[in-house]
Amino acid sequence: MIRFVISPDREVVFDANEKLPGSGIWMYPLESSFDLAVQKRIFYKAAKGTVKIPENLKEIVISLLRERVLKLIGFSRKSGALVFGYEGVKKAIEAGLVCLAFESDDSSENGRNKLYRATDEFLICDFFTREELGEITGQESQVHVAVTDKKIADVLMQTIKKISLLKGIEVKG
């Protein structure tokens, strides 16, 4: 579920961290949920009055969730729970350390097949660019990144699944 609150100026605001004050309006993160919520006046009913709904609310939600994932990956790097580069990820997979993997959105299928060999032991996310992954790792670009901490991976997976539902895409793994 994703949470929204109504701001003091009566605007619908996405609460990415689920910590903003006020009673929340919870919605299942599906692509069609936004149209349905507007059509059935869900935000108006929950707020007990007129509210402003940004036209691009779904895009705002996806953008903030993506930002959250990238920050969490950065935290995992700082805590020593991130490996990157083909060889680094390969060694971590062989050692059974990988809990969650990230591939750039333009990585080659051949490289993926060699690296993951049809594993279903962990989720593989591919909706970040090599530049976005590179920024996290301190490189110009990065194709392969993996998280080795189970707790961080679990939090990341929850957010990744929300993004995938909102975008109507399937996450591999």
Protein backbone atom coordinates (compact mmCIF):
# COMPACT_ATOMS: atom_id res chain seq x y z
CA MET A 1 0.00 0.00 0.00
CA ILE A 2 1.06 3.59 -0.56
CA ARG A 3 0.07 6.51 1.65
CA PHE A 4 -1.13 10.01 0.85
CA VAL A 5 -1.96 12.88 3.17
CA ILE A 6 -3.76 16.16 2.64
CA SER A 7 -1.53 19.21 3.04
CA PRO A 8 -2.70 22.33 4.93
CA ASP A 9 -3.49 23.95 1.56
CA ARG A 10 -5.73 20.93 0.72
CA GLU A 11 -3.42 19.28 -1.80
CA VAL A 12 -2.95 15.50 -2.08
CA VAL A 13 0.67 14.71 -1.15
CA PHE A 14 2.41 11.35 -1.50
CA ASP A 15 4.02 10.21 1.76
CA ALA A 16 6.97 8.12 0.52
CA ASN A 17 8.34 7.44 4.01
CA GLU A 18 4.89 7.00 5.57
CA LYS A 19 5.69 9.47 8.34
CA LEU A 20 3.91 12.71 7.44
CA PRO A 21 1.42 13.96 10.04
CA GLY A 22 -2.28 13.53 9.52
CA SER A 23 -4.57 10.64 8.86
CA GLY A 24 -3.41 8.88 5.76
CA ILE A 25 -5.27 7.85 2.67
CA TRP A 26 -4.01 4.40 1.70
CA MET A 27 -4.13 3.07 -1.84
CA TYR A 28 -3.04 -0.17 -3.44
CA PRO A 29 -0.15 0.69 -5.80
CA LEU A 30 -1.67 -0.29 -9.13
CA GLU A 31 -1.38 1.56 -12.40
CA SER A 32 -5.17 1.89 -12.61
CA SER A 33 -5.61 3.02 -8.98
CA PHE A 34 -4.99 6.68 -9.73
CA ASP A 35 -7.65 6.96 -12.42
CA LEU A 36 -10.08 5.02 -10.26
CA ALA A 37 -9.37 7.18 -7.20
CA VAL A 38 -10.10 10.35 -9.18
CA GLN A 39 -13.12 8.84 -10.94
CA LYS A 40 -14.68 7.62 -7.70
CA ARG A 41 -13.65 10.78 -5.81
CA ILE A 42 -11.76 8.73 -3.20
CA PHE A 43 -9.46 11.60 -2.19
CA TYR A 44 -12.42 13.98 -1.80
CA LYS A 45 -14.33 11.48 0.34
CA ALA A 46 -11.34 10.63 2.53
CA ALA A 47 -10.49 14.32 3.02
CA LYS A 48 -14.16 15.20 3.61
CA GLY A 49 -14.07 18.01 1.09
CA THR A 50 -12.44 19.46 -1.97
CA VAL A 51 -8.74 18.77 -2.53
CA LYS A 52 -6.22 19.57 -5.25
CA ILE A 53 -4.86 16.51 -7.02
CA PRO A 54 -1.71 17.03 -9.07
CA GLU A 55 -2.29 15.93 -12.68
CA ASN A 56 0.94 13.94 -12.70
CA LEU A 57 0.42 12.32 -9.29
CA LYS A 58 1.38 8.82 -10.47
CA GLU A 59 4.63 10.13 -11.99
CA ILE A 60 5.42 12.01 -8.77
CA VAL A 61 4.86 8.83 -6.74
CA ILE A 62 7.09 6.74 -9.04
CA SER A 63 9.80 9.39 -9.02
CA LEU A 64 9.83 9.64 -5.21
CA LEU A 65 9.85 5.85 -4.82
CA ARG A 66 12.77 5.56 -7.27
CA GLU A 67 14.61 8.25 -5.32
CA ARG A 68 14.00 6.30 -2.11
CA VAL A 69 15.42 3.10 -3.63
CA LEU A 70 18.54 4.88 -4.89
CA LYS A 71 19.12 6.43 -1.45
CA LEU A 72 18.72 3.06 0.24
CA ILE A 73 21.22 1.50 -2.18
CA GLY A 74 23.59 4.33 -1.28
CA PHE A 75 23.12 3.57 2.42
CA SER A 76 23.91 -0.08 1.77
CA ARG A 77 27.15 0.99 0.09
CA LYS A 78 28.12 3.10 3.11
CA SER A 79 27.41 0.17 5.41
CA GLY A 80 29.56 -2.18 3.32
CA ALA A 81 26.59 -4.22 2.10
CA LEU A 82 26.93 -3.39 -1.60
CA VAL A 83 29.03 -5.06 -4.26
CA PHE A 84 29.31 -3.86 -7.82
CA GLY A 85 30.91 -4.62 -11.14
CA TYR A 86 30.64 -7.94 -12.96
CA GLU A 87 33.40 -9.67 -11.00
CA GLY A 88 32.32 -8.30 -7.61
CA VAL A 89 28.72 -9.39 -8.10
CA LYS A 90 29.82 -12.76 -9.53
CA LYS A 91 31.98 -13.49 -6.45
CA ALA A 92 29.17 -12.46 -4.10
CA ILE A 93 26.70 -14.74 -5.93
CA GLU A 94 29.15 -17.67 -5.76
CA ALA A 95 29.57 -17.05 -2.02
CA GLY A 96 25.79 -16.97 -1.55
CA LEU A 97 25.83 -13.41 -0.25
CA VAL A 98 23.49 -11.67 -2.72
CA CYS A 99 20.01 -10.80 -1.42
CA LEU A 100 18.98 -8.41 -4.20
CA ALA A 101 20.54 -7.44 -7.54
CA PHE A 102 20.29 -4.37 -9.76
CA GLU A 103 21.07 -4.40 -13.46
CA SER A 104 21.15 -1.29 -15.62
CA ASP A 105 18.11 -1.00 -17.86
CA ASP A 106 20.32 -1.49 -20.92
CA SER A 107 22.42 -4.42 -19.71
CA SER A 108 22.90 -7.23 -22.18
CA GLU A 109 20.82 -10.37 -21.87
CA ASN A 110 23.97 -12.41 -22.52
CA GLY A 111 25.81 -10.80 -19.59
CA ARG A 112 22.80 -11.34 -17.32
CA ASN A 113 22.50 -14.99 -18.28
CA LYS A 114 26.18 -15.59 -17.55
CA LEU A 115 26.01 -13.80 -14.23
CA TYR A 116 22.73 -15.10 -12.85
CA ARG A 117 22.37 -18.46 -14.63
CA ALA A 118 18.58 -18.54 -14.18
CA THR A 119 18.77 -18.02 -10.42
CA ASP A 120 15.58 -17.44 -8.53
CA GLU A 121 17.23 -17.01 -5.15
CA PHE A 122 16.90 -13.22 -5.22
CA LEU A 123 15.10 -10.42 -7.02
CA ILE A 124 16.75 -8.74 -10.02
CA CYS A 125 15.66 -5.15 -10.64
CA ASP A 126 16.37 -3.45 -13.96
CA PHE A 127 14.68 -0.07 -14.01
CA PHE A 128 17.64 2.17 -13.28
CA THR A 129 20.12 3.53 -15.79
CA ARG A 130 23.81 2.70 -15.67
CA GLU A 131 24.44 6.36 -14.82
CA GLU A 132 22.09 6.20 -11.81
CA LEU A 133 23.76 3.01 -10.57
CA GLY A 134 27.18 4.51 -11.28
CA GLU A 135 26.43 7.60 -9.21
CA ILE A 136 25.75 5.38 -6.19
CA THR A 137 29.00 3.46 -6.63
CA GLY A 138 31.13 6.53 -7.30
CA GLN A 139 31.66 5.52 -10.93
CA GLU A 140 30.66 7.19 -14.17
CA SER A 141 28.42 4.21 -14.93
CA GLN A 142 27.69 0.79 -13.48
CA VAL A 143 25.83 -2.18 -14.93
CA HIS A 144 25.85 -4.73 -12.08
CA VAL A 145 25.11 -3.93 -8.42
CA ALA A 146 24.07 -6.26 -5.59
CA VAL A 147 22.96 -5.81 -2.00
CA THR A 148 24.28 -8.35 0.52
CA ASP A 149 22.36 -7.33 3.64
CA LYS A 150 19.00 -9.09 4.08
CA LYS A 151 17.35 -6.32 6.13
CA ILE A 152 18.24 -3.61 3.63
CA ALA A 153 17.22 -5.88 0.74
CA ASP A 154 13.80 -6.50 2.33
CA VAL A 155 13.10 -2.77 2.63
CA LEU A 156 14.30 -2.22 -0.93
CA MET A 157 12.13 -5.05 -2.26
CA GLN A 158 8.98 -3.56 -0.74
CA THR A 159 9.59 -0.27 -2.53
CA ILE A 160 10.67 -1.93 -5.79
CA LYS A 161 7.47 -3.98 -5.87
CA LYS A 162 5.41 -0.80 -5.43
CA ILE A 163 7.22 0.81 -8.36
CA SER A 164 6.74 -2.26 -10.54
CA LEU A 165 3.01 -2.39 -9.76
CA LEU A 166 2.61 1.31 -10.53
CA LYS A 167 4.50 0.95 -13.81
CA GLY A 168 2.70 -2.26 -14.72
CA ILE A 169 5.97 -4.19 -15.13
CA GLU A 170 7.24 -7.47 -13.78
CA VAL A 171 10.42 -7.61 -11.73
CA LYS A 172 12.57 -10.64 -12.51
CA GLY A 173 13.45 -13.06 -9.77
